[in-house]
Amino acid sequence: MPAVPTVLGMSTTTPTDPTEPRKRLVVLHLIAQELTPGERYTQVEVDSRIRGLHPDVAALRRQLVDEGFVERRAGEYWRADDSAPPMAS
């Protein structure tokens, strides 16, 4: 997968910059697909999977959790079961 800014056609490296929230959700959905459903990951493992997609892995990981694409509990991360793509508007 290309870097997040490339997917959005942006020159910036911050995934929260798109003025269209729908684009941000689509990109976060695509990034969540890097995690295998049903598999548990440590923070280090999640970071290693998303590191090539965006330089600020902490912000990206936080957004994945905040938007419900990834769940976190007791230091473990996993892809949310309802990691369906956002509806196109």
N, C-alpha and C. Protein backbone atom coordinates (compact mmCIF):
# COMPACT_ATOMS: atom_id res chain seq x y z
N MET A 1 0.85 -1.17 0.00
CA MET A 1 0.00 0.00 0.00
C MET A 1 0.90 1.24 0.00
N PRO A 2 0.59 2.23 -0.83
CA PRO A 2 1.38 3.47 -0.83
C PRO A 2 1.21 4.23 0.47
N ALA A 3 2.08 5.18 0.70
CA ALA A 3 1.99 6.01 1.90
C ALA A 3 0.65 6.74 1.92
N VAL A 4 0.18 7.05 3.10
CA VAL A 4 -1.13 7.69 3.27
C VAL A 4 -1.28 8.95 2.42
N PRO A 5 -0.31 9.87 2.41
CA PRO A 5 -0.49 11.07 1.59
C PRO A 5 -0.66 10.75 0.11
N THR A 6 0.03 9.71 -0.36
CA THR A 6 -0.09 9.33 -1.76
C THR A 6 -1.49 8.85 -2.08
N VAL A 7 -2.06 8.06 -1.19
CA VAL A 7 -3.42 7.56 -1.39
C VAL A 7 -4.40 8.72 -1.49
N LEU A 8 -4.18 9.75 -0.69
CA LEU A 8 -5.09 10.89 -0.68
C LEU A 8 -4.75 11.94 -1.73
N GLY A 9 -3.63 11.76 -2.43
CA GLY A 9 -3.19 12.77 -3.39
C GLY A 9 -2.76 14.04 -2.69
N MET A 10 -2.17 13.91 -1.51
CA MET A 10 -1.79 15.05 -0.69
C MET A 10 -0.28 15.16 -0.62
N SER A 11 0.19 16.36 -0.32
CA SER A 11 1.62 16.55 -0.11
C SER A 11 1.97 16.49 1.37
N THR A 12 0.98 16.50 2.24
CA THR A 12 1.21 16.49 3.68
C THR A 12 1.39 15.06 4.17
N THR A 13 1.86 14.90 5.40
CA THR A 13 2.04 13.57 5.95
C THR A 13 1.12 13.31 7.13
N THR A 14 0.10 14.13 7.31
CA THR A 14 -0.81 13.96 8.43
C THR A 14 -2.16 13.46 7.94
N PRO A 15 -2.59 12.26 8.37
CA PRO A 15 -3.85 11.73 7.88
C PRO A 15 -5.08 12.48 8.35
N THR A 16 -4.92 13.37 9.33
CA THR A 16 -6.08 14.14 9.81
C THR A 16 -6.29 15.39 8.99
N ASP A 17 -5.43 15.68 8.02
CA ASP A 17 -5.53 16.89 7.24
C ASP A 17 -6.64 16.93 6.20
N PRO A 18 -7.09 15.79 5.67
CA PRO A 18 -8.11 15.91 4.62
C PRO A 18 -9.32 16.68 5.11
N THR A 19 -9.79 17.58 4.28
CA THR A 19 -10.95 18.36 4.66
C THR A 19 -12.21 17.52 4.56
N GLU A 20 -12.15 16.40 3.86
CA GLU A 20 -13.29 15.51 3.74
C GLU A 20 -13.10 14.33 4.69
N PRO A 21 -13.87 14.30 5.78
CA PRO A 21 -13.73 13.20 6.74
C PRO A 21 -13.90 11.83 6.10
N ARG A 22 -14.71 11.74 5.06
CA ARG A 22 -14.96 10.47 4.38
C ARG A 22 -13.65 9.91 3.82
N LYS A 23 -12.80 10.77 3.26
CA LYS A 23 -11.52 10.30 2.73
C LYS A 23 -10.65 9.74 3.84
N ARG A 24 -10.65 10.41 4.97
CA ARG A 24 -9.85 9.95 6.10
C ARG A 24 -10.34 8.58 6.56
N LEU A 25 -11.66 8.40 6.63
CA LEU A 25 -12.21 7.11 7.05
C LEU A 25 -11.89 6.00 6.06
N VAL A 26 -11.92 6.31 4.79
CA VAL A 26 -11.59 5.31 3.77
C VAL A 26 -10.14 4.89 3.91
N VAL A 27 -9.25 5.85 4.12
CA VAL A 27 -7.83 5.53 4.29
C VAL A 27 -7.61 4.72 5.56
N LEU A 28 -8.27 5.09 6.65
CA LEU A 28 -8.12 4.33 7.89
C LEU A 28 -8.64 2.91 7.72
N HIS A 29 -9.72 2.75 6.99
CA HIS A 29 -10.24 1.40 6.71
C HIS A 29 -9.20 0.58 5.95
N LEU A 30 -8.59 1.17 4.95
CA LEU A 30 -7.57 0.45 4.17
C LEU A 30 -6.38 0.07 5.05
N ILE A 31 -5.99 0.96 5.93
CA ILE A 31 -4.87 0.68 6.83
C ILE A 31 -5.24 -0.45 7.80
N ALA A 32 -6.47 -0.46 8.28
CA ALA A 32 -6.90 -1.52 9.21
C ALA A 32 -6.81 -2.89 8.56
N GLN A 33 -6.89 -2.94 7.24
CA GLN A 33 -6.82 -4.22 6.54
C GLN A 33 -5.42 -4.84 6.63
N GLU A 34 -4.45 -4.08 7.12
CA GLU A 34 -3.11 -4.61 7.34
C GLU A 34 -3.09 -5.59 8.52
N LEU A 35 -4.14 -5.57 9.34
CA LEU A 35 -4.24 -6.47 10.49
C LEU A 35 -5.17 -7.63 10.14
N THR A 36 -4.79 -8.82 10.53
CA THR A 36 -5.58 -10.01 10.24
C THR A 36 -6.72 -10.14 11.25
N PRO A 37 -7.95 -10.33 10.77
CA PRO A 37 -9.08 -10.50 11.70
C PRO A 37 -8.83 -11.68 12.65
N GLY A 38 -9.16 -11.47 13.92
CA GLY A 38 -9.02 -12.52 14.91
C GLY A 38 -7.63 -12.66 15.52
N GLU A 39 -6.66 -11.97 14.96
CA GLU A 39 -5.30 -12.05 15.49
C GLU A 39 -5.06 -10.88 16.46
N ARG A 40 -4.36 -11.16 17.55
CA ARG A 40 -4.01 -10.13 18.54
C ARG A 40 -2.60 -9.65 18.28
N TYR A 41 -2.36 -8.37 18.50
CA TYR A 41 -1.06 -7.75 18.23
C TYR A 41 -0.63 -6.93 19.43
N THR A 42 0.67 -6.85 19.64
CA THR A 42 1.22 -5.90 20.60
C THR A 42 1.31 -4.54 19.91
N GLN A 43 1.55 -3.50 20.69
CA GLN A 43 1.71 -2.17 20.09
C GLN A 43 2.89 -2.16 19.11
N VAL A 44 3.96 -2.83 19.47
CA VAL A 44 5.14 -2.88 18.60
C VAL A 44 4.79 -3.55 17.27
N GLU A 45 3.99 -4.60 17.31
CA GLU A 45 3.60 -5.30 16.08
C GLU A 45 2.70 -4.43 15.20
N VAL A 46 1.77 -3.71 15.82
CA VAL A 46 0.91 -2.81 15.06
C VAL A 46 1.77 -1.72 14.42
N ASP A 47 2.65 -1.13 15.21
CA ASP A 47 3.53 -0.08 14.70
C ASP A 47 4.35 -0.56 13.51
N SER A 48 4.87 -1.78 13.60
CA SER A 48 5.71 -2.28 12.50
C SER A 48 4.88 -2.48 11.23
N ARG A 49 3.61 -2.80 11.36
CA ARG A 49 2.76 -3.00 10.18
C ARG A 49 2.36 -1.68 9.53
N ILE A 50 2.26 -0.61 10.30
CA ILE A 50 1.80 0.66 9.73
C ILE A 50 2.93 1.68 9.53
N ARG A 51 4.12 1.36 10.00
CA ARG A 51 5.23 2.31 9.94
C ARG A 51 5.52 2.83 8.53
N GLY A 52 5.45 1.99 7.54
CA GLY A 52 5.73 2.42 6.17
C GLY A 52 4.63 3.24 5.54
N LEU A 53 3.49 3.33 6.21
CA LEU A 53 2.35 4.05 5.66
C LEU A 53 2.27 5.49 6.11
N HIS A 54 2.86 5.76 7.28
CA HIS A 54 2.80 7.11 7.83
C HIS A 54 3.90 7.28 8.87
N PRO A 55 4.59 8.41 8.88
CA PRO A 55 5.71 8.57 9.81
C PRO A 55 5.29 8.68 11.29
N ASP A 56 4.09 9.15 11.57
CA ASP A 56 3.64 9.30 12.96
C ASP A 56 2.74 8.11 13.30
N VAL A 57 3.36 6.98 13.62
CA VAL A 57 2.60 5.75 13.86
C VAL A 57 1.69 5.87 15.09
N ALA A 58 2.11 6.64 16.09
CA ALA A 58 1.29 6.79 17.29
C ALA A 58 -0.04 7.49 16.96
N ALA A 59 0.03 8.55 16.19
CA ALA A 59 -1.19 9.27 15.80
C ALA A 59 -2.08 8.39 14.92
N LEU A 60 -1.48 7.68 14.02
CA LEU A 60 -2.23 6.81 13.13
C LEU A 60 -2.90 5.67 13.91
N ARG A 61 -2.16 5.06 14.81
CA ARG A 61 -2.69 3.98 15.64
C ARG A 61 -3.85 4.49 16.49
N ARG A 62 -3.70 5.68 17.05
CA ARG A 62 -4.74 6.30 17.87
C ARG A 62 -6.01 6.55 17.04
N GLN A 63 -5.83 7.04 15.82
CA GLN A 63 -6.99 7.28 14.95
C GLN A 63 -7.70 5.99 14.59
N LEU A 64 -6.93 4.93 14.36
CA LEU A 64 -7.55 3.63 14.06
C LEU A 64 -8.43 3.17 15.22
N VAL A 65 -7.96 3.38 16.44
CA VAL A 65 -8.73 3.00 17.62
C VAL A 65 -9.92 3.96 17.80
N ASP A 66 -9.66 5.25 17.72
CA ASP A 66 -10.72 6.25 17.94
C ASP A 66 -11.87 6.11 16.96
N GLU A 67 -11.58 5.74 15.73
CA GLU A 67 -12.62 5.60 14.70
C GLU A 67 -13.25 4.20 14.68
N GLY A 68 -12.78 3.32 15.56
CA GLY A 68 -13.41 2.01 15.68
C GLY A 68 -12.94 0.94 14.71
N PHE A 69 -11.86 1.20 13.99
CA PHE A 69 -11.34 0.19 13.06
C PHE A 69 -10.47 -0.84 13.77
N VAL A 70 -9.87 -0.42 14.89
CA VAL A 70 -9.02 -1.30 15.69
C VAL A 70 -9.45 -1.14 17.14
N GLU A 71 -9.45 -2.25 17.86
CA GLU A 71 -9.78 -2.20 19.29
C GLU A 71 -8.52 -2.45 20.09
N ARG A 72 -8.54 -1.94 21.34
CA ARG A 72 -7.36 -2.05 22.20
C ARG A 72 -7.83 -2.36 23.62
N ARG A 73 -7.13 -3.30 24.24
CA ARG A 73 -7.42 -3.60 25.64
C ARG A 73 -6.20 -4.30 26.24
N ALA A 74 -5.79 -3.87 27.42
CA ALA A 74 -4.69 -4.49 28.16
C ALA A 74 -3.44 -4.67 27.31
N GLY A 75 -3.12 -3.66 26.52
CA GLY A 75 -1.89 -3.71 25.72
C GLY A 75 -1.98 -4.54 24.46
N GLU A 76 -3.18 -5.04 24.14
CA GLU A 76 -3.36 -5.82 22.91
C GLU A 76 -4.24 -5.04 21.94
N TYR A 77 -3.96 -5.22 20.66
CA TYR A 77 -4.73 -4.58 19.60
C TYR A 77 -5.25 -5.66 18.67
N TRP A 78 -6.43 -5.42 18.10
CA TRP A 78 -6.97 -6.33 17.09
C TRP A 78 -7.91 -5.55 16.19
N ARG A 79 -8.06 -6.06 14.97
CA ARG A 79 -8.96 -5.42 14.01
C ARG A 79 -10.39 -5.62 14.48
N ALA A 80 -11.16 -4.55 14.46
CA ALA A 80 -12.56 -4.62 14.89
C ALA A 80 -13.34 -5.49 13.91
N ASP A 81 -14.28 -6.25 14.43
CA ASP A 81 -15.08 -7.12 13.58
C ASP A 81 -15.88 -6.35 12.55
N ASP A 82 -16.29 -5.15 12.90
CA ASP A 82 -17.10 -4.37 11.97
C ASP A 82 -16.22 -3.42 11.15
N SER A 83 -15.06 -3.89 10.74
CA SER A 83 -14.13 -3.04 9.97
C SER A 83 -14.56 -2.97 8.51
N ALA A 84 -15.84 -2.68 8.31
CA ALA A 84 -16.37 -2.55 6.95
C ALA A 84 -16.03 -1.18 6.39
N PRO A 85 -15.89 -1.08 5.09
CA PRO A 85 -15.57 0.22 4.50
C PRO A 85 -16.70 1.23 4.73
N PRO A 86 -16.36 2.50 4.90
CA PRO A 86 -17.38 3.53 5.07
C PRO A 86 -18.26 3.60 3.82
N MET A 87 -19.50 3.94 4.00
CA MET A 87 -20.43 4.08 2.88
C MET A 87 -20.05 5.32 2.08
N ALA A 88 -20.08 5.19 0.76
CA ALA A 88 -19.80 6.33 -0.11
C ALA A 88 -21.00 7.28 -0.05
N SER A 89 -20.69 8.56 -0.08
CA SER A 89 -21.80 9.53 -0.05
C SER A 89 -22.02 10.12 -1.40
